[in-house]
Structures are given as C-alpha cells and as structure tokens.
Amino acid sequence: MSNTDPQHPEGADTSAVQAALEVEELERQSATAARLFDLRRIIGGLFVVYGIIVGAMGISPSDADMKKSQDININLWTGLAMLLLGLFFLLWQHFRPVVPPSAEELAAAAERPDVH
C-alpha cells in the first residue's frame, strides 16, 4: 500500500493506515458476533421450532385430545401463537439489529468517571 492512496490523506504513515484497517475489520467482526448471539434470534428460533412442532400435533387431534380440551384444539392454537411470537422476535431482530459501540464511544465511556 502506498502513501498516495486516494482514500487516505497525503503523507499518511503506512503502519497507521494498516492499523486503521485492522481496527475496521475487528469492528466488523464484533458487529457480526453481536448479531449472532442476539437473544432475540435465539428465543425467536426456539419459539418458531416449538410452534411448528406443537402446531403439527394439532393438525389432526384425536377425539380423546379434543374431549380433554372441551372441543378446543389447544395444540393448534398454541402452536400458531408460538409461531407468531417467534416470527415477531426474528423480525424485531432483523429490523432493529444490535449495533455495538464504536471505538470512539468506548474510549469516551472509559474516560468518563462512574456516576453512582
């Protein structure tokens, strides 16, 4: 990488540019890890899977199951509710992703005294 790179200021130190690129890559990896371990994804995924299982059990209920539940197909309705809740969590996570703090925000937080 040369010092005349159009994306970097004239006379920029090559090691400083390399360090900045490494920091950007680490920030991207941090953001990916934050999204991967978002609890909304885990909870939503579990509710979707269990909703499908319980809902499938309710597609063709036995007469004994219907008699126990006073002719309400509880498995089907509960499965659908769980499926909708899981989809809600997954959509919430998709439209409002976790944004990890930037390096500047972390530095500012480290300099700020704790207020109790």
N, C-alpha and C. Protein backbone atom coordinates (compact mmCIF):
# COMPACT_ATOMS: atom_id res chain seq x y z
N MET A 1 0.86 -1.17 0.00
CA MET A 1 0.00 0.00 0.00
C MET A 1 0.90 1.23 0.00
N SER A 2 0.64 2.15 -0.89
CA SER A 2 1.47 3.35 -0.98
C SER A 2 0.86 4.50 -0.19
N ASN A 3 1.69 5.49 0.03
CA ASN A 3 1.23 6.66 0.77
C ASN A 3 0.35 7.56 -0.10
N THR A 4 0.26 7.29 -1.41
CA THR A 4 -0.54 8.12 -2.30
C THR A 4 -1.90 7.50 -2.58
N ASP A 5 -2.36 6.65 -1.74
CA ASP A 5 -3.68 6.03 -1.87
C ASP A 5 -4.74 7.13 -1.81
N PRO A 6 -5.67 7.20 -2.79
CA PRO A 6 -6.64 8.31 -2.82
C PRO A 6 -7.62 8.29 -1.63
N GLN A 7 -7.78 7.16 -1.00
CA GLN A 7 -8.70 7.09 0.13
C GLN A 7 -8.07 7.56 1.43
N HIS A 8 -6.79 7.75 1.44
CA HIS A 8 -6.07 8.14 2.66
C HIS A 8 -5.37 9.48 2.43
N PRO A 9 -5.23 10.26 3.48
CA PRO A 9 -4.59 11.57 3.32
C PRO A 9 -3.14 11.45 2.85
N GLU A 10 -2.69 12.51 2.18
CA GLU A 10 -1.32 12.55 1.70
C GLU A 10 -0.35 12.44 2.88
N GLY A 11 0.68 11.66 2.70
CA GLY A 11 1.71 11.55 3.71
C GLY A 11 1.31 10.70 4.90
N ALA A 12 0.24 9.95 4.81
CA ALA A 12 -0.19 9.11 5.94
C ALA A 12 0.81 7.98 6.12
N ASP A 13 1.08 7.67 7.34
CA ASP A 13 2.01 6.61 7.67
C ASP A 13 1.38 5.26 7.30
N THR A 14 2.15 4.41 6.64
CA THR A 14 1.63 3.12 6.19
C THR A 14 1.20 2.25 7.37
N SER A 15 1.95 2.28 8.45
CA SER A 15 1.58 1.47 9.61
C SER A 15 0.30 1.97 10.26
N ALA A 16 0.07 3.28 10.24
CA ALA A 16 -1.16 3.84 10.79
C ALA A 16 -2.35 3.44 9.93
N VAL A 17 -2.16 3.43 8.61
CA VAL A 17 -3.23 3.02 7.71
C VAL A 17 -3.54 1.55 7.92
N GLN A 18 -2.52 0.74 8.06
CA GLN A 18 -2.70 -0.70 8.30
C GLN A 18 -3.41 -0.93 9.63
N ALA A 19 -3.05 -0.18 10.64
CA ALA A 19 -3.71 -0.32 11.95
C ALA A 19 -5.18 0.09 11.86
N ALA A 20 -5.47 1.13 11.10
CA ALA A 20 -6.86 1.57 10.93
C ALA A 20 -7.67 0.50 10.21
N LEU A 21 -7.07 -0.15 9.22
CA LEU A 21 -7.77 -1.22 8.51
C LEU A 21 -8.04 -2.41 9.43
N GLU A 22 -7.07 -2.72 10.29
CA GLU A 22 -7.26 -3.81 11.24
C GLU A 22 -8.37 -3.49 12.25
N VAL A 23 -8.42 -2.24 12.69
CA VAL A 23 -9.47 -1.83 13.62
C VAL A 23 -10.84 -1.95 12.96
N GLU A 24 -10.95 -1.52 11.69
CA GLU A 24 -12.21 -1.63 10.97
C GLU A 24 -12.64 -3.09 10.85
N GLU A 25 -11.70 -3.97 10.57
CA GLU A 25 -12.02 -5.40 10.45
C GLU A 25 -12.48 -5.97 11.78
N LEU A 26 -11.83 -5.59 12.87
CA LEU A 26 -12.25 -6.05 14.19
C LEU A 26 -13.64 -5.53 14.55
N GLU A 27 -13.95 -4.30 14.17
CA GLU A 27 -15.28 -3.75 14.41
C GLU A 27 -16.34 -4.53 13.64
N ARG A 28 -16.02 -4.90 12.39
CA ARG A 28 -16.97 -5.70 11.60
C ARG A 28 -17.19 -7.07 12.24
N GLN A 29 -16.12 -7.70 12.72
CA GLN A 29 -16.24 -9.00 13.38
C GLN A 29 -17.04 -8.87 14.67
N SER A 30 -16.85 -7.79 15.40
CA SER A 30 -17.59 -7.57 16.64
C SER A 30 -19.08 -7.41 16.35
N ALA A 31 -19.39 -6.67 15.31
CA ALA A 31 -20.80 -6.48 14.94
C ALA A 31 -21.43 -7.81 14.53
N THR A 32 -20.68 -8.64 13.81
CA THR A 32 -21.20 -9.94 13.41
C THR A 32 -21.45 -10.82 14.62
N ALA A 33 -20.54 -10.82 15.57
CA ALA A 33 -20.71 -11.62 16.78
C ALA A 33 -21.89 -11.12 17.61
N ALA A 34 -22.07 -9.81 17.67
CA ALA A 34 -23.20 -9.25 18.43
C ALA A 34 -24.52 -9.67 17.81
N ARG A 35 -24.60 -9.67 16.48
CA ARG A 35 -25.83 -10.10 15.82
C ARG A 35 -26.05 -11.60 15.98
N LEU A 36 -24.99 -12.37 15.92
CA LEU A 36 -25.11 -13.83 16.00
C LEU A 36 -25.63 -14.27 17.36
N PHE A 37 -25.20 -13.62 18.42
CA PHE A 37 -25.59 -14.03 19.77
C PHE A 37 -26.69 -13.14 20.36
N ASP A 38 -27.44 -12.48 19.50
CA ASP A 38 -28.57 -11.68 19.96
C ASP A 38 -29.63 -12.62 20.52
N LEU A 39 -30.09 -12.36 21.74
CA LEU A 39 -31.07 -13.23 22.37
C LEU A 39 -32.38 -13.29 21.61
N ARG A 40 -32.73 -12.24 20.90
CA ARG A 40 -33.96 -12.25 20.12
C ARG A 40 -33.90 -13.33 19.05
N ARG A 41 -32.74 -13.57 18.48
CA ARG A 41 -32.60 -14.61 17.46
C ARG A 41 -32.76 -15.99 18.09
N ILE A 42 -32.16 -16.20 19.24
CA ILE A 42 -32.24 -17.50 19.91
C ILE A 42 -33.66 -17.78 20.37
N ILE A 43 -34.27 -16.82 21.05
CA ILE A 43 -35.64 -17.00 21.54
C ILE A 43 -36.61 -17.17 20.37
N GLY A 44 -36.48 -16.33 19.37
CA GLY A 44 -37.35 -16.42 18.20
C GLY A 44 -37.22 -17.75 17.49
N GLY A 45 -36.00 -18.22 17.33
CA GLY A 45 -35.78 -19.51 16.68
C GLY A 45 -36.41 -20.66 17.45
N LEU A 46 -36.24 -20.63 18.77
CA LEU A 46 -36.84 -21.70 19.59
C LEU A 46 -38.37 -21.67 19.52
N PHE A 47 -38.96 -20.48 19.59
CA PHE A 47 -40.42 -20.39 19.51
C PHE A 47 -40.93 -20.84 18.14
N VAL A 48 -40.21 -20.53 17.07
CA VAL A 48 -40.62 -20.98 15.74
C VAL A 48 -40.58 -22.50 15.66
N VAL A 49 -39.49 -23.11 16.13
CA VAL A 49 -39.36 -24.57 16.07
C VAL A 49 -40.44 -25.24 16.91
N TYR A 50 -40.60 -24.79 18.16
CA TYR A 50 -41.61 -25.40 19.03
C TYR A 50 -43.02 -25.12 18.51
N GLY A 51 -43.24 -23.95 17.93
CA GLY A 51 -44.55 -23.64 17.36
C GLY A 51 -44.90 -24.57 16.22
N ILE A 52 -43.93 -24.86 15.38
CA ILE A 52 -44.16 -25.80 14.27
C ILE A 52 -44.47 -27.19 14.81
N ILE A 53 -43.72 -27.63 15.81
CA ILE A 53 -43.94 -28.97 16.38
C ILE A 53 -45.32 -29.06 17.03
N VAL A 54 -45.64 -28.11 17.89
CA VAL A 54 -46.93 -28.15 18.60
C VAL A 54 -48.08 -27.95 17.61
N GLY A 55 -47.91 -27.05 16.65
CA GLY A 55 -48.95 -26.84 15.65
C GLY A 55 -49.18 -28.06 14.80
N ALA A 56 -48.11 -28.77 14.44
CA ALA A 56 -48.26 -30.01 13.66
C ALA A 56 -49.02 -31.07 14.45
N MET A 57 -48.79 -31.10 15.75
CA MET A 57 -49.53 -32.05 16.59
C MET A 57 -51.02 -31.71 16.61
N GLY A 58 -51.36 -30.44 16.42
CA GLY A 58 -52.75 -30.01 16.47
C GLY A 58 -53.47 -30.09 15.15
N ILE A 59 -52.78 -30.44 14.08
CA ILE A 59 -53.44 -30.51 12.77
C ILE A 59 -54.49 -31.62 12.74
N SER A 60 -54.15 -32.75 13.31
CA SER A 60 -55.14 -33.85 13.34
C SER A 60 -55.24 -34.39 14.76
N PRO A 61 -56.00 -33.70 15.62
CA PRO A 61 -56.10 -34.14 17.01
C PRO A 61 -56.99 -35.39 17.14
N SER A 62 -56.70 -36.17 18.16
CA SER A 62 -57.55 -37.34 18.42
C SER A 62 -58.82 -36.90 19.15
N ASP A 63 -59.80 -37.79 19.15
CA ASP A 63 -61.06 -37.49 19.85
C ASP A 63 -60.81 -37.32 21.35
N ALA A 64 -59.88 -38.10 21.89
CA ALA A 64 -59.57 -38.00 23.32
C ALA A 64 -58.96 -36.63 23.65
N ASP A 65 -58.08 -36.15 22.78
CA ASP A 65 -57.48 -34.82 23.00
C ASP A 65 -58.54 -33.73 22.95
N MET A 66 -59.43 -33.82 21.99
CA MET A 66 -60.49 -32.81 21.87
C MET A 66 -61.44 -32.86 23.07
N LYS A 67 -61.72 -34.06 23.57
CA LYS A 67 -62.61 -34.19 24.72
C LYS A 67 -61.96 -33.59 25.97
N LYS A 68 -60.64 -33.83 26.13
CA LYS A 68 -59.92 -33.29 27.28
C LYS A 68 -59.90 -31.76 27.27
N SER A 69 -59.86 -31.19 26.09
CA SER A 69 -59.75 -29.73 25.98
C SER A 69 -61.09 -29.06 25.69
N GLN A 70 -62.18 -29.76 25.91
CA GLN A 70 -63.54 -29.23 25.73
C GLN A 70 -63.75 -28.72 24.31
N ASP A 71 -63.36 -29.53 23.34
CA ASP A 71 -63.53 -29.28 21.91
C ASP A 71 -62.81 -28.02 21.41
N ILE A 72 -61.72 -27.66 22.07
CA ILE A 72 -60.85 -26.59 21.58
C ILE A 72 -59.52 -27.24 21.20
N ASN A 73 -59.08 -26.99 20.00
CA ASN A 73 -57.83 -27.57 19.53
C ASN A 73 -56.65 -26.77 20.10
N ILE A 74 -56.31 -27.07 21.35
CA ILE A 74 -55.29 -26.29 22.07
C ILE A 74 -53.93 -26.37 21.39
N ASN A 75 -53.56 -27.55 20.92
CA ASN A 75 -52.25 -27.69 20.29
C ASN A 75 -52.14 -26.80 19.04
N LEU A 76 -53.16 -26.77 18.25
CA LEU A 76 -53.12 -25.96 17.03
C LEU A 76 -53.03 -24.47 17.38
N TRP A 77 -53.86 -23.99 18.26
CA TRP A 77 -53.86 -22.57 18.61
C TRP A 77 -52.59 -22.17 19.34
N THR A 78 -52.12 -23.02 20.24
CA THR A 78 -50.87 -22.71 20.95
C THR A 78 -49.69 -22.73 19.99
N GLY A 79 -49.67 -23.69 19.07
CA GLY A 79 -48.61 -23.75 18.07
C GLY A 79 -48.58 -22.52 17.19
N LEU A 80 -49.77 -22.08 16.76
CA LEU A 80 -49.83 -20.86 15.94
C LEU A 80 -49.36 -19.64 16.72
N ALA A 81 -49.78 -19.54 17.99
CA ALA A 81 -49.34 -18.41 18.82
C ALA A 81 -47.83 -18.42 19.02
N MET A 82 -47.27 -19.60 19.27
CA MET A 82 -45.81 -19.70 19.45
C MET A 82 -45.09 -19.35 18.16
N LEU A 83 -45.63 -19.80 17.03
CA LEU A 83 -45.02 -19.49 15.74
C LEU A 83 -45.05 -17.99 15.49
N LEU A 84 -46.16 -17.33 15.75
CA LEU A 84 -46.24 -15.88 15.56
C LEU A 84 -45.30 -15.13 16.50
N LEU A 85 -45.21 -15.58 17.75
CA LEU A 85 -44.29 -14.92 18.69
C LEU A 85 -42.84 -15.08 18.23
N GLY A 86 -42.49 -16.27 17.78
CA GLY A 86 -41.13 -16.49 17.28
C GLY A 86 -40.82 -15.63 16.07
N LEU A 87 -41.79 -15.53 15.15
CA LEU A 87 -41.59 -14.68 13.98
C LEU A 87 -41.48 -13.21 14.37
N PHE A 88 -42.25 -12.79 15.38
CA PHE A 88 -42.13 -11.42 15.88
C PHE A 88 -40.71 -11.14 16.37
N PHE A 89 -40.15 -12.06 17.17
CA PHE A 89 -38.79 -11.87 17.69
C PHE A 89 -37.78 -11.80 16.55
N LEU A 90 -37.92 -12.68 15.55
CA LEU A 90 -36.97 -12.70 14.44
C LEU A 90 -37.09 -11.43 13.59
N LEU A 91 -38.32 -10.97 13.36
CA LEU A 91 -38.49 -9.73 12.60
C LEU A 91 -37.98 -8.52 13.37
N TRP A 92 -38.20 -8.52 14.68
CA TRP A 92 -37.70 -7.44 15.53
C TRP A 92 -36.18 -7.37 15.44
N GLN A 93 -35.55 -8.53 15.51
CA GLN A 93 -34.09 -8.58 15.44
C GLN A 93 -33.61 -8.14 14.05
N HIS A 94 -34.38 -8.48 13.02
CA HIS A 94 -33.98 -8.12 11.66
C HIS A 94 -34.09 -6.61 11.41
N PHE A 95 -35.19 -6.00 11.88
CA PHE A 95 -35.41 -4.58 11.61
C PHE A 95 -34.74 -3.65 12.61
N ARG A 96 -34.40 -4.13 13.79
CA ARG A 96 -33.70 -3.33 14.79
C ARG A 96 -32.45 -4.09 15.27
N PRO A 97 -31.44 -4.22 14.41
CA PRO A 97 -30.26 -5.01 14.79
C PRO A 97 -29.45 -4.34 15.89
N VAL A 98 -28.68 -5.15 16.58
CA VAL A 98 -27.79 -4.66 17.64
C VAL A 98 -26.62 -3.96 16.97
N VAL A 99 -26.32 -2.77 17.42
CA VAL A 99 -25.18 -2.02 16.90
C VAL A 99 -24.18 -1.88 18.04
N PRO A 100 -23.04 -2.56 17.95
CA PRO A 100 -22.06 -2.43 19.02
C PRO A 100 -21.49 -1.02 19.05
N PRO A 101 -21.05 -0.57 20.21
CA PRO A 101 -20.49 0.79 20.30
C PRO A 101 -19.21 0.91 19.49
N SER A 102 -19.00 2.08 18.94
CA SER A 102 -17.79 2.33 18.16
C SER A 102 -16.60 2.50 19.09
N ALA A 103 -15.42 2.52 18.50
CA ALA A 103 -14.19 2.69 19.28
C ALA A 103 -14.19 4.03 20.01
N GLU A 104 -14.74 5.06 19.35
CA GLU A 104 -14.78 6.38 19.98
C GLU A 104 -15.72 6.38 21.19
N GLU A 105 -16.87 5.71 21.06
CA GLU A 105 -17.83 5.63 22.17
C GLU A 105 -17.23 4.86 23.35
N LEU A 106 -16.50 3.78 23.05
CA LEU A 106 -15.86 3.01 24.11
C LEU A 106 -14.79 3.83 24.82
N ALA A 107 -14.02 4.59 24.04
CA ALA A 107 -12.97 5.43 24.63
C ALA A 107 -13.58 6.52 25.50
N ALA A 108 -14.68 7.12 25.05
CA ALA A 108 -15.34 8.16 25.83
C ALA A 108 -15.92 7.59 27.12
N ALA A 109 -16.46 6.38 27.04
CA ALA A 109 -17.02 5.74 28.23
C ALA A 109 -15.92 5.38 29.22
N ALA A 110 -14.75 5.01 28.72
CA ALA A 110 -13.64 4.65 29.60
C ALA A 110 -13.10 5.88 30.34
N GLU A 111 -13.13 7.03 29.68
CA GLU A 111 -12.63 8.26 30.29
C GLU A 111 -13.60 8.86 31.28
N ARG A 112 -14.89 8.56 31.14
CA ARG A 112 -15.92 9.15 31.99
C ARG A 112 -15.89 8.48 33.37
N PRO A 113 -15.91 9.25 34.44
CA PRO A 113 -15.93 8.65 35.78
C PRO A 113 -17.29 8.00 36.04
N ASP A 114 -17.28 6.95 36.84
CA ASP A 114 -18.53 6.25 37.18
C ASP A 114 -19.38 7.14 38.07
N VAL A 115 -20.64 7.25 37.70
CA VAL A 115 -21.58 8.05 38.48
C VAL A 115 -22.53 7.09 39.17
N HIS A 116 -22.54 7.11 40.50
CA HIS A 116 -23.42 6.20 41.25
C HIS A 116 -24.40 6.98 42.07
